[in-house]
């Protein structure tokens, strides 16, 4: 995923990040990815603190970057989290 993001345009990068985060959230929450709208709050989807840690760990592993423990609470929607990660990864490159 990280390699795909590095060569993608900014618009494609956002699309890739949203699709990836959506799939990770769906696995954690036990729902279909299509049920997750970009502006839906993670807490409204049923995410708890343990799931937030699991999401963070998955993001760090897949993207090979460090994220704060509170990332899912600081950026509590698919859209805001993808924006944050895109900015963070851009700074690393």
PDB file of N, CA and C in Angstrom:
ATOM      1  N   UNK A   1       0.828  -1.195   0.000  1.00  0.00           N
ATOM      2  CA  UNK A   1       0.000   0.000   0.000  1.00  0.00           C
ATOM      3  C   UNK A   1       0.868   1.253   0.000  1.00  0.00           C
ATOM      4  N   UNK A   2       1.887   1.245   0.802  1.00  0.00           N
ATOM      5  CA  UNK A   2       2.755   2.434   0.894  1.00  0.00           C
ATOM      6  C   UNK A   2       3.371   2.764  -0.459  1.00  0.00           C
ATOM      7  N   UNK A   3       3.809   1.731  -1.185  1.00  0.00           N
ATOM      8  CA  UNK A   3       4.403   1.959  -2.502  1.00  0.00           C
ATOM      9  C   UNK A   3       3.377   2.517  -3.484  1.00  0.00           C
ATOM     10  N   UNK A   4       2.149   2.002  -3.424  1.00  0.00           N
ATOM     11  CA  UNK A   4       1.089   2.524  -4.295  1.00  0.00           C
ATOM     12  C   UNK A   4       0.825   3.990  -3.992  1.00  0.00           C
ATOM     13  N   UNK A   5       0.818   4.341  -2.718  1.00  0.00           N
ATOM     14  CA  UNK A   5       0.554   5.719  -2.318  1.00  0.00           C
ATOM     15  C   UNK A   5       1.658   6.664  -2.773  1.00  0.00           C
ATOM     16  N   UNK A   6       2.880   6.197  -2.741  1.00  0.00           N
ATOM     17  CA  UNK A   6       4.015   7.050  -3.113  1.00  0.00           C
ATOM     18  C   UNK A   6       3.991   7.446  -4.582  1.00  0.00           C
ATOM     19  N   UNK A   7       3.466   6.571  -5.442  1.00  0.00           N
ATOM     20  CA  UNK A   7       3.448   6.881  -6.874  1.00  0.00           C
ATOM     21  C   UNK A   7       2.109   7.442  -7.344  1.00  0.00           C
ATOM     22  N   UNK A   8       1.124   7.470  -6.470  1.00  0.00           N
ATOM     23  CA  UNK A   8      -0.219   7.949  -6.843  1.00  0.00           C
ATOM     24  C   UNK A   8      -0.294   9.474  -6.827  1.00  0.00           C
ATOM     25  N   UNK A   9      -1.190  10.001  -7.651  1.00  0.00           N
ATOM     26  CA  UNK A   9      -1.465  11.433  -7.599  1.00  0.00           C
ATOM     27  C   UNK A   9      -2.190  11.726  -6.289  1.00  0.00           C
ATOM     28  N   UNK A  10      -2.308  12.991  -5.922  1.00  0.00           N
ATOM     29  CA  UNK A  10      -2.942  13.321  -4.641  1.00  0.00           C
ATOM     30  C   UNK A  10      -4.392  12.844  -4.584  1.00  0.00           C
ATOM     31  N   UNK A  11      -5.123  12.965  -5.691  1.00  0.00           N
ATOM     32  CA  UNK A  11      -6.510  12.493  -5.721  1.00  0.00           C
ATOM     33  C   UNK A  11      -6.597  10.980  -5.592  1.00  0.00           C
ATOM     34  N   UNK A  12      -5.713  10.292  -6.290  1.00  0.00           N
ATOM     35  CA  UNK A  12      -5.686   8.830  -6.212  1.00  0.00           C
ATOM     36  C   UNK A  12      -5.222   8.372  -4.832  1.00  0.00           C
ATOM     37  N   UNK A  13      -4.309   9.119  -4.234  1.00  0.00           N
ATOM     38  CA  UNK A  13      -3.823   8.779  -2.898  1.00  0.00           C
ATOM     39  C   UNK A  13      -4.978   8.810  -1.898  1.00  0.00           C
ATOM     40  N   UNK A  14      -5.796   9.838  -1.991  1.00  0.00           N
ATOM     41  CA  UNK A  14      -6.950   9.972  -1.098  1.00  0.00           C
ATOM     42  C   UNK A  14      -7.910   8.798  -1.296  1.00  0.00           C
ATOM     43  N   UNK A  15      -8.166   8.445  -2.546  1.00  0.00           N
ATOM     44  CA  UNK A  15      -9.061   7.328  -2.860  1.00  0.00           C
ATOM     45  C   UNK A  15      -8.514   6.021  -2.312  1.00  0.00           C
ATOM     46  N   UNK A  16      -7.224   5.786  -2.484  1.00  0.00           N
ATOM     47  CA  UNK A  16      -6.587   4.573  -1.967  1.00  0.00           C
ATOM     48  C   UNK A  16      -6.667   4.510  -0.448  1.00  0.00           C
ATOM     49  N   UNK A  17      -6.392   5.625   0.201  1.00  0.00           N
ATOM     50  CA  UNK A  17      -6.447   5.655   1.664  1.00  0.00           C
ATOM     51  C   UNK A  17      -7.856   5.403   2.185  1.00  0.00           C
ATOM     52  N   UNK A  18      -8.838   6.030   1.573  1.00  0.00           N
ATOM     53  CA  UNK A  18     -10.221   5.826   2.011  1.00  0.00           C
ATOM     54  C   UNK A  18     -10.628   4.372   1.835  1.00  0.00           C
ATOM     55  N   UNK A  19     -10.296   3.785   0.697  1.00  0.00           N
ATOM     56  CA  UNK A  19     -10.646   2.377   0.458  1.00  0.00           C
ATOM     57  C   UNK A  19      -9.952   1.460   1.469  1.00  0.00           C
ATOM     58  N   UNK A  20      -8.690   1.723   1.749  1.00  0.00           N
ATOM     59  CA  UNK A  20      -7.955   0.888   2.693  1.00  0.00           C
ATOM     60  C   UNK A  20      -8.520   1.021   4.106  1.00  0.00           C
ATOM     61  N   UNK A  21      -8.704   2.251   4.558  1.00  0.00           N
ATOM     62  CA  UNK A  21      -9.222   2.465   5.917  1.00  0.00           C
ATOM     63  C   UNK A  21     -10.621   1.873   6.033  1.00  0.00           C
ATOM     64  N   UNK A  22     -11.434   2.058   5.021  1.00  0.00           N
ATOM     65  CA  UNK A  22     -12.799   1.506   5.022  1.00  0.00           C
ATOM     66  C   UNK A  22     -12.759  -0.011   5.178  1.00  0.00           C
ATOM     67  N   UNK A  23     -11.863  -0.674   4.461  1.00  0.00           N
ATOM     68  CA  UNK A  23     -11.787  -2.141   4.569  1.00  0.00           C
ATOM     69  C   UNK A  23     -11.303  -2.571   5.948  1.00  0.00           C
ATOM     70  N   UNK A  24     -10.354  -1.836   6.521  1.00  0.00           N
ATOM     71  CA  UNK A  24      -9.861  -2.162   7.853  1.00  0.00           C
ATOM     72  C   UNK A  24     -10.952  -1.960   8.911  1.00  0.00           C
ATOM     73  N   UNK A  25     -11.678  -0.863   8.787  1.00  0.00           N
ATOM     74  CA  UNK A  25     -12.778  -0.592   9.718  1.00  0.00           C
ATOM     75  C   UNK A  25     -13.864  -1.662   9.614  1.00  0.00           C
ATOM     76  N   UNK A  26     -14.198  -2.033   8.395  1.00  0.00           N
ATOM     77  CA  UNK A  26     -15.238  -3.039   8.193  1.00  0.00           C
ATOM     78  C   UNK A  26     -14.852  -4.359   8.868  1.00  0.00           C
ATOM     79  N   UNK A  27     -13.587  -4.751   8.734  1.00  0.00           N
ATOM     80  CA  UNK A  27     -13.121  -5.980   9.399  1.00  0.00           C
ATOM     81  C   UNK A  27     -13.255  -5.859  10.913  1.00  0.00           C
ATOM     82  N   UNK A  28     -12.800  -4.740  11.458  1.00  0.00           N
ATOM     83  CA  UNK A  28     -12.851  -4.535  12.903  1.00  0.00           C
ATOM     84  C   UNK A  28     -14.274  -4.513  13.446  1.00  0.00           C
ATOM     85  N   UNK A  29     -15.168  -3.879  12.686  1.00  0.00           N
ATOM     86  CA  UNK A  29     -16.534  -3.685  13.155  1.00  0.00           C
ATOM     87  C   UNK A  29     -17.473  -4.823  12.762  1.00  0.00           C
ATOM     88  N   UNK A  30     -17.006  -5.710  11.880  1.00  0.00           N
ATOM     89  CA  UNK A  30     -17.833  -6.816  11.447  1.00  0.00           C
ATOM     90  C   UNK A  30     -18.999  -6.387  10.566  1.00  0.00           C
ATOM     91  N   UNK A  31     -18.754  -5.376   9.734  1.00  0.00           N
ATOM     92  CA  UNK A  31     -19.786  -4.888   8.821  1.00  0.00           C
ATOM     93  C   UNK A  31     -19.221  -4.856   7.397  1.00  0.00           C
ATOM     94  N   UNK A  32     -20.094  -4.583   6.452  1.00  0.00           N
ATOM     95  CA  UNK A  32     -19.667  -4.465   5.063  1.00  0.00           C
ATOM     96  C   UNK A  32     -19.051  -3.085   4.835  1.00  0.00           C
ATOM     97  N   UNK A  33     -17.982  -2.995   4.041  1.00  0.00           N
ATOM     98  CA  UNK A  33     -17.348  -1.699   3.783  1.00  0.00           C
ATOM     99  C   UNK A  33     -18.312  -0.642   3.246  1.00  0.00           C
ATOM    100  N   UNK A  34     -19.293  -1.059   2.454  1.00  0.00           N
ATOM    101  CA  UNK A  34     -20.245  -0.118   1.862  1.00  0.00           C
ATOM    102  C   UNK A  34     -21.104   0.580   2.910  1.00  0.00           C
ATOM    103  N   UNK A  35     -21.163   0.006   4.108  1.00  0.00           N
ATOM    104  CA  UNK A  35     -21.968   0.602   5.175  1.00  0.00           C
ATOM    105  C   UNK A  35     -21.283   1.812   5.820  1.00  0.00           C
ATOM    106  N   UNK A  36     -20.023   2.028   5.491  1.00  0.00           N
ATOM    107  CA  UNK A  36     -19.248   3.103   6.112  1.00  0.00           C
ATOM    108  C   UNK A  36     -19.176   4.298   5.172  1.00  0.00           C
ATOM    109  N   UNK A  37     -19.864   5.354   5.549  1.00  0.00           N
ATOM    110  CA  UNK A  37     -19.835   6.594   4.788  1.00  0.00           C
ATOM    111  C   UNK A  37     -18.626   7.430   5.245  1.00  0.00           C
ATOM    112  N   UNK A  38     -18.013   8.198   4.334  1.00  0.00           N
ATOM    113  CA  UNK A  38     -16.822   8.978   4.687  1.00  0.00           C
ATOM    114  C   UNK A  38     -16.985   9.953   5.848  1.00  0.00           C
ATOM    115  N   UNK A  39     -18.199  10.469   6.077  1.00  0.00           N
ATOM    116  CA  UNK A  39     -18.406  11.441   7.148  1.00  0.00           C
ATOM    117  C   UNK A  39     -18.969  10.830   8.438  1.00  0.00           C
ATOM    118  N   UNK A  40     -19.187   9.518   8.462  1.00  0.00           N
ATOM    119  CA  UNK A  40     -19.739   8.866   9.660  1.00  0.00           C
ATOM    120  C   UNK A  40     -18.696   8.812  10.770  1.00  0.00           C
ATOM    121  N   UNK A  41     -19.127   9.121  11.956  1.00  0.00           N
ATOM    122  CA  UNK A  41     -18.253   9.054  13.117  1.00  0.00           C
ATOM    123  C   UNK A  41     -17.956   7.597  13.459  1.00  0.00           C
ATOM    124  N   UNK A  42     -16.701   7.334  13.802  1.00  0.00           N
ATOM    125  CA  UNK A  42     -16.329   5.970  14.188  1.00  0.00           C
ATOM    126  C   UNK A  42     -17.128   5.505  15.399  1.00  0.00           C
ATOM    127  N   UNK A  43     -17.387   6.391  16.329  1.00  0.00           N
ATOM    128  CA  UNK A  43     -18.154   6.008  17.515  1.00  0.00           C
ATOM    129  C   UNK A  43     -19.596   5.662  17.130  1.00  0.00           C
ATOM    130  N   UNK A  44     -20.166   6.359  16.147  1.00  0.00           N
ATOM    131  CA  UNK A  44     -21.507   6.022  15.676  1.00  0.00           C
ATOM    132  C   UNK A  44     -21.545   4.652  15.000  1.00  0.00           C
ATOM    133  N   UNK A  45     -20.414   4.228  14.481  1.00  0.00           N
ATOM    134  CA  UNK A  45     -20.314   2.911  13.862  1.00  0.00           C
ATOM    135  C   UNK A  45     -20.129   1.803  14.904  1.00  0.00           C
ATOM    136  N   UNK A  46     -19.854   2.194  16.155  1.00  0.00           N
ATOM    137  CA  UNK A  46     -19.683   1.208  17.216  1.00  0.00           C
ATOM    138  C   UNK A  46     -18.242   0.935  17.608  1.00  0.00           C
ATOM    139  N   UNK A  47     -17.327   1.790  17.164  1.00  0.00           N
ATOM    140  CA  UNK A  47     -15.926   1.583  17.508  1.00  0.00           C
ATOM    141  C   UNK A  47     -15.690   1.899  18.974  1.00  0.00           C
ATOM    142  N   UNK A  48     -14.968   1.009  19.645  1.00  0.00           N
ATOM    143  CA  UNK A  48     -14.583   1.246  21.032  1.00  0.00           C
ATOM    144  C   UNK A  48     -13.077   1.483  21.091  1.00  0.00           C
ATOM    145  N   UNK A  49     -12.553   1.691  22.287  1.00  0.00           N
ATOM    146  CA  UNK A  49     -11.133   2.038  22.426  1.00  0.00           C
ATOM    147  C   UNK A  49     -10.209   0.896  21.988  1.00  0.00           C
ATOM    148  N   UNK A  50     -10.603  -0.341  22.227  1.00  0.00           N
ATOM    149  CA  UNK A  50      -9.781  -1.473  21.789  1.00  0.00           C
ATOM    150  C   UNK A  50      -9.722  -1.535  20.263  1.00  0.00           C
ATOM    151  N   UNK A  51     -10.845  -1.311  19.627  1.00  0.00           N
ATOM    152  CA  UNK A  51     -10.876  -1.288  18.159  1.00  0.00           C
ATOM    153  C   UNK A  51     -10.037  -0.139  17.620  1.00  0.00           C
ATOM    154  N   UNK A  52     -10.045   0.988  18.310  1.00  0.00           N
ATOM    155  CA  UNK A  52      -9.242   2.139  17.886  1.00  0.00           C
ATOM    156  C   UNK A  52      -7.761   1.799  17.916  1.00  0.00           C
ATOM    157  N   UNK A  53      -7.343   1.065  18.943  1.00  0.00           N
ATOM    158  CA  UNK A  53      -5.939   0.636  19.032  1.00  0.00           C
ATOM    159  C   UNK A  53      -5.624  -0.350  17.911  1.00  0.00           C
ATOM    160  N   UNK A  54      -6.536  -1.264  17.642  1.00  0.00           N
ATOM    161  CA  UNK A  54      -6.335  -2.226  16.561  1.00  0.00           C
ATOM    162  C   UNK A  54      -6.237  -1.526  15.210  1.00  0.00           C
ATOM    163  N   UNK A  55      -7.074  -0.518  14.996  1.00  0.00           N
ATOM    164  CA  UNK A  55      -7.011   0.247  13.755  1.00  0.00           C
ATOM    165  C   UNK A  55      -5.671   0.952  13.641  1.00  0.00           C
ATOM    166  N   UNK A  56      -5.248   1.588  14.703  1.00  0.00           N
ATOM    167  CA  UNK A  56      -3.957   2.284  14.699  1.00  0.00           C
ATOM    168  C   UNK A  56      -2.827   1.315  14.366  1.00  0.00           C
ATOM    169  N   UNK A  57      -2.826   0.145  15.002  1.00  0.00           N
ATOM    170  CA  UNK A  57      -1.769  -0.845  14.742  1.00  0.00           C
ATOM    171  C   UNK A  57      -1.779  -1.289  13.284  1.00  0.00           C
ATOM    172  N   UNK A  58      -2.957  -1.494  12.742  1.00  0.00           N
ATOM    173  CA  UNK A  58      -3.077  -1.892  11.344  1.00  0.00           C
ATOM    174  C   UNK A  58      -2.546  -0.806  10.410  1.00  0.00           C
ATOM    175  N   UNK A  59      -2.887   0.444  10.705  1.00  0.00           N
ATOM    176  CA  UNK A  59      -2.408   1.559   9.890  1.00  0.00           C
ATOM    177  C   UNK A  59      -0.890   1.670   9.947  1.00  0.00           C
ATOM    178  N   UNK A  60      -0.342   1.582  11.134  1.00  0.00           N
ATOM    179  CA  UNK A  60       1.113   1.694  11.286  1.00  0.00           C
ATOM    180  C   UNK A  60       1.840   0.598  10.527  1.00  0.00           C
ATOM    181  N   UNK A  61       1.332  -0.623  10.631  1.00  0.00           N
ATOM    182  CA  UNK A  61       1.969  -1.754   9.957  1.00  0.00           C
ATOM    183  C   UNK A  61       1.863  -1.616   8.442  1.00  0.00           C
ATOM    184  N   UNK A  62       0.673  -1.328   7.960  1.00  0.00           N
ATOM    185  CA  UNK A  62       0.439  -1.265   6.519  1.00  0.00           C
ATOM    186  C   UNK A  62       1.104  -0.072   5.855  1.00  0.00           C
ATOM    187  N   UNK A  63       1.161   1.039   6.556  1.00  0.00           N
ATOM    188  CA  UNK A  63       1.704   2.265   5.980  1.00  0.00           C
ATOM    189  C   UNK A  63       3.144   2.529   6.379  1.00  0.00           C
ATOM    190  N   UNK A  64       3.660   1.710   7.281  1.00  0.00           N
ATOM    191  CA  UNK A  64       5.040   1.854   7.754  1.00  0.00           C
ATOM    192  C   UNK A  64       5.319   3.278   8.233  1.00  0.00           C
ATOM    193  N   UNK A  65       4.417   3.758   9.100  1.00  0.00           N
ATOM    194  CA  UNK A  65       4.600   5.081   9.685  1.00  0.00           C
ATOM    195  C   UNK A  65       4.016   5.072  11.088  1.00  0.00           C
ATOM    196  N   UNK A  66       4.505   5.957  11.897  1.00  0.00           N
ATOM    197  CA  UNK A  66       4.036   6.063  13.269  1.00  0.00           C
ATOM    198  C   UNK A  66       2.807   6.966  13.325  1.00  0.00           C
ATOM    199  N   UNK A  67       1.815   6.544  14.093  1.00  0.00           N
ATOM    200  CA  UNK A  67       0.627   7.371  14.307  1.00  0.00           C
ATOM    201  C   UNK A  67       0.358   7.435  15.801  1.00  0.00           C
ATOM    202  N   UNK A  68      -0.214   8.528  16.267  1.00  0.00           N
ATOM    203  CA  UNK A  68      -0.493   8.645  17.705  1.00  0.00           C
ATOM    204  C   UNK A  68      -1.540   7.631  18.152  1.00  0.00           C
ATOM    205  N   UNK A  69      -1.479   7.260  19.402  1.00  0.00           N
ATOM    206  CA  UNK A  69      -2.439   6.295  19.959  1.00  0.00           C
ATOM    207  C   UNK A  69      -3.865   6.801  19.838  1.00  0.00           C
ATOM    208  N   UNK A  70      -4.035   8.105  19.830  1.00  0.00           N
ATOM    209  CA  UNK A  70      -5.372   8.702  19.788  1.00  0.00           C
ATOM    210  C   UNK A  70      -5.847   9.021  18.366  1.00  0.00           C
ATOM    211  N   UNK A  71      -5.205   8.481  17.352  1.00  0.00           N
ATOM    212  CA  UNK A  71      -5.495   8.872  15.969  1.00  0.00           C
ATOM    213  C   UNK A  71      -6.965   8.680  15.594  1.00  0.00           C
ATOM    214  N   UNK A  72      -7.594   7.596  16.040  1.00  0.00           N
ATOM    215  CA  UNK A  72      -8.994   7.347  15.684  1.00  0.00           C
ATOM    216  C   UNK A  72      -9.949   8.288  16.422  1.00  0.00           C
ATOM    217  N   UNK A  73      -9.492   8.860  17.526  1.00  0.00           N
ATOM    218  CA  UNK A  73     -10.312   9.818  18.271  1.00  0.00           C
ATOM    219  C   UNK A  73     -10.042  11.247  17.802  1.00  0.00           C
ATOM    220  N   UNK A  74      -8.801  11.514  17.405  1.00  0.00           N
ATOM    221  CA  UNK A  74      -8.443  12.840  16.898  1.00  0.00           C
ATOM    222  C   UNK A  74      -9.013  13.077  15.495  1.00  0.00           C
ATOM    223  N   UNK A  75      -9.119  12.016  14.714  1.00  0.00           N
ATOM    224  CA  UNK A  75      -9.626  12.071  13.337  1.00  0.00           C
ATOM    225  C   UNK A  75     -10.736  11.019  13.226  1.00  0.00           C
ATOM    226  N   UNK A  76     -11.928  11.332  13.762  1.00  0.00           N
ATOM    227  CA  UNK A  76     -12.963  10.318  14.004  1.00  0.00           C
ATOM    228  C   UNK A  76     -13.884   9.956  12.841  1.00  0.00           C
ATOM    229  N   UNK A  77     -13.495  10.323  11.625  1.00  0.00           N
ATOM    230  CA  UNK A  77     -14.269   9.887  10.460  1.00  0.00           C
ATOM    231  C   UNK A  77     -13.305   9.358   9.409  1.00  0.00           C
ATOM    232  N   UNK A  78     -13.831   8.598   8.501  1.00  0.00           N
ATOM    233  CA  UNK A  78     -13.026   8.057   7.414  1.00  0.00           C
ATOM    234  C   UNK A  78     -12.348   9.181   6.634  1.00  0.00           C
ATOM    235  N   UNK A  79     -13.095  10.219   6.361  1.00  0.00           N
ATOM    236  CA  UNK A  79     -12.588  11.350   5.585  1.00  0.00           C
ATOM    237  C   UNK A  79     -11.466  12.104   6.312  1.00  0.00           C
ATOM    238  N   UNK A  80     -11.669  12.416   7.597  1.00  0.00           N
ATOM    239  CA  UNK A  80     -10.646  13.168   8.324  1.00  0.00           C
ATOM    240  C   UNK A  80      -9.399  12.322   8.575  1.00  0.00           C
ATOM    241  N   UNK A  81      -9.584  11.032   8.805  1.00  0.00           N
ATOM    242  CA  UNK A  81      -8.429  10.156   9.021  1.00  0.00           C
ATOM    243  C   UNK A  81      -7.623  10.013   7.735  1.00  0.00           C
ATOM    244  N   UNK A  82      -8.292   9.864   6.615  1.00  0.00           N
ATOM    245  CA  UNK A  82      -7.583   9.769   5.331  1.00  0.00           C
ATOM    246  C   UNK A  82      -6.819  11.055   5.035  1.00  0.00           C
ATOM    247  N   UNK A  83      -7.427  12.205   5.314  1.00  0.00           N
ATOM    248  CA  UNK A  83      -6.742  13.494   5.118  1.00  0.00           C
ATOM    249  C   UNK A  83      -5.486  13.577   5.983  1.00  0.00           C
ATOM    250  N   UNK A  84      -5.628  13.201   7.245  1.00  0.00           N
ATOM    251  CA  UNK A  84      -4.492  13.229   8.164  1.00  0.00           C
ATOM    252  C   UNK A  84      -3.370  12.316   7.665  1.00  0.00           C
ATOM    253  N   UNK A  85      -3.712  11.099   7.290  1.00  0.00           N
ATOM    254  CA  UNK A  85      -2.688  10.152   6.831  1.00  0.00           C
ATOM    255  C   UNK A  85      -2.028  10.617   5.544  1.00  0.00           C
ATOM    256  N   UNK A  86      -2.790  11.193   4.636  1.00  0.00           N
ATOM    257  CA  UNK A  86      -2.209  11.690   3.392  1.00  0.00           C
ATOM    258  C   UNK A  86      -1.186  12.786   3.689  1.00  0.00           C
ATOM    259  N   UNK A  87      -1.536  13.680   4.584  1.00  0.00           N
ATOM    260  CA  UNK A  87      -0.616  14.758   4.979  1.00  0.00           C
ATOM    261  C   UNK A  87       0.619  14.198   5.675  1.00  0.00           C
ATOM    262  N   UNK A  88       0.414  13.267   6.574  1.00  0.00           N
ATOM    263  CA  UNK A  88       1.524  12.663   7.316  1.00  0.00           C
ATOM    264  C   UNK A  88       2.473  11.945   6.381  1.00  0.00           C
ATOM    265  N   UNK A  89       1.943  11.164   5.468  1.00  0.00           N
ATOM    266  CA  UNK A  89       2.789  10.424   4.532  1.00  0.00           C
ATOM    267  C   UNK A  89       3.517  11.342   3.577  1.00  0.00           C
ATOM    268  N   UNK A  90       2.895  12.434   3.215  1.00  0.00           N
ATOM    269  CA  UNK A  90       3.531  13.406   2.324  1.00  0.00           C
ATOM    270  C   UNK A  90       4.759  14.033   3.012  1.00  0.00           C
ATOM    271  N   UNK A  91       4.668  14.267   4.308  1.00  0.00           N
ATOM    272  CA  UNK A  91       5.776  14.843   5.058  1.00  0.00           C
ATOM    273  C   UNK A  91       6.940  13.872   5.177  1.00  0.00           C
ATOM    274  N   UNK A  92       6.628  12.570   5.218  1.00  0.00           N
ATOM    275  CA  UNK A  92       7.663  11.545   5.370  1.00  0.00           C
ATOM    276  C   UNK A  92       8.469  11.374   4.085  1.00  0.00           C
ATOM    277  N   UNK A  93       7.799  11.517   2.945  1.00  0.00           N
ATOM    278  CA  UNK A  93       8.462  11.271   1.658  1.00  0.00           C
ATOM    279  C   UNK A  93       9.578  12.191   1.420  1.00  0.00           C
TER     280      UNK A  93
END
